[in-house]
Protein backbone atom coordinates (compact mmCIF):
# COMPACT_ATOMS: atom_id res chain seq x y z
CA MET A 1 -2.14 3.70 -5.85
CA LEU A 2 0.39 5.86 -3.99
CA PHE A 3 -1.92 8.83 -4.43
CA THR A 4 -4.75 6.91 -2.76
CA LEU A 5 -2.54 5.82 0.12
CA ALA A 6 -1.32 9.39 0.59
CA LEU A 7 -4.90 10.68 0.68
CA LEU A 8 -5.87 8.07 3.25
CA ALA A 9 -2.83 8.89 5.40
CA VAL A 10 -3.64 12.60 5.35
CA PHE A 11 -7.29 11.87 6.13
CA ALA A 12 -6.33 9.65 9.08
CA ALA A 13 -3.95 12.31 10.42
CA LEU A 14 -6.65 14.98 10.17
CA LEU A 15 -9.17 12.75 11.92
CA LYS A 16 -6.75 12.21 14.76
CA LYS A 17 -5.98 15.92 15.05
CA TRP A 18 -9.60 17.08 14.85
CA ARG A 19 -11.24 14.20 16.71
CA TRP A 20 -13.47 16.57 18.71
CA PHE A 21 -14.84 18.17 15.54
CA VAL A 22 -15.63 14.81 13.96
CA LYS A 23 -17.43 13.65 17.10
CA GLU A 24 -19.66 16.73 17.02
CA ARG A 25 -20.25 16.65 13.25
CA PRO A 26 -20.04 13.10 11.83
CA LEU A 27 -21.75 14.13 8.60
CA VAL A 28 -18.76 16.30 7.73
CA GLN A 29 -16.57 13.20 7.94
CA THR A 30 -18.99 11.36 5.65
CA GLY A 31 -18.95 14.25 3.17
CA VAL A 32 -15.16 14.35 3.14
CA LEU A 33 -15.02 10.58 2.58
CA LEU A 34 -17.40 10.90 -0.36
CA LEU A 35 -15.27 13.65 -1.87
CA LEU A 36 -12.12 11.57 -1.36
CA LEU A 37 -13.83 8.66 -3.08
CA PHE A 38 -14.69 10.95 -5.98
CA VAL A 39 -11.08 12.17 -6.22
CA VAL A 40 -9.66 8.64 -6.10
CA ILE A 41 -12.07 7.31 -8.72
CA ARG A 42 -11.40 10.31 -10.95
CA ALA A 43 -7.63 9.81 -10.60
CA PHE A 44 -8.03 6.12 -11.45
CA ALA A 45 -10.06 7.02 -14.53
CA LEU A 46 -7.57 9.64 -15.71
CA ASN A 47 -4.60 7.29 -15.31
CA HIS A 48 -6.43 4.28 -16.81
CA VAL A 49 -6.01 2.26 -13.61
CA GLU A 50 -9.62 1.12 -13.91
CA GLU A 51 -8.69 -0.73 -17.11
CA LEU A 52 -5.98 -2.63 -15.27
CA LEU A 53 -8.45 -3.51 -12.49
CA HIS A 54 -11.20 -4.35 -15.02
CA LEU A 55 -13.56 -1.69 -13.65
CA HIS A 56 -16.05 0.39 -15.62
CA LEU A 57 -15.76 3.97 -14.33
CA HIS A 58 -16.87 5.81 -17.44
CA ASP A 59 -20.47 6.14 -16.28
CA ASP A 60 -21.52 9.80 -16.32
CA ASN A 61 -23.65 9.56 -13.17
CA TRP A 62 -21.14 8.55 -10.49
CA GLY A 63 -19.26 11.86 -10.38
CA TRP A 64 -22.12 14.23 -9.82
CA THR A 65 -23.85 11.72 -7.55
CA LEU A 66 -20.86 11.58 -5.20
CA GLU A 67 -20.49 15.36 -5.26
CA LEU A 68 -24.17 15.94 -4.53
CA LEU A 69 -24.17 13.42 -1.69
CA ALA A 70 -21.11 15.09 -0.16
CA THR A 71 -22.71 18.52 -0.50
CA ALA A 72 -25.90 17.21 1.10
CA CYS A 73 -23.87 15.87 4.03
CA PHE A 74 -22.17 19.24 4.50
CA ALA A 75 -25.45 21.13 4.21
CA TRP A 76 -27.27 18.86 6.65
CA SER A 77 -24.40 19.12 9.12
CA ALA A 78 -24.46 22.92 8.81
CA THR A 79 -28.17 23.01 9.63
CA GLN A 80 -27.49 21.05 12.81
CA VAL A 81 -25.03 23.60 14.20
CA LYS A 82 -26.64 25.80 16.80
CA ALA A 83 -26.39 29.53 16.26
CA ARG A 84 -24.03 31.19 18.71
C-alpha cells in the first residue's frame, strides 16, 4: 500500500512540475496512468495483497492489455506532435 501511495505522490509531483506538457499531450498522461496501474497490480499480485482484498489478479490478459493500451496512447500522442 505504501508503494502505491509513493507512486501516486511522485505522479502528482510530476504532473504539477510538467503541467504544460500534460496540457499539450494528455494521451501521455493516460499512458503513464495505465503503466502505473500495471505496476501497482503487478506489485499486489507479487506480494499476495490481492488475496487479502479478495481480488482475482491471476488472469493472463490484464498485463499485456494494460501495456498495449499504454503503448497505443504513447504512439498516438507521438503522431500528433508536429514536426519542427
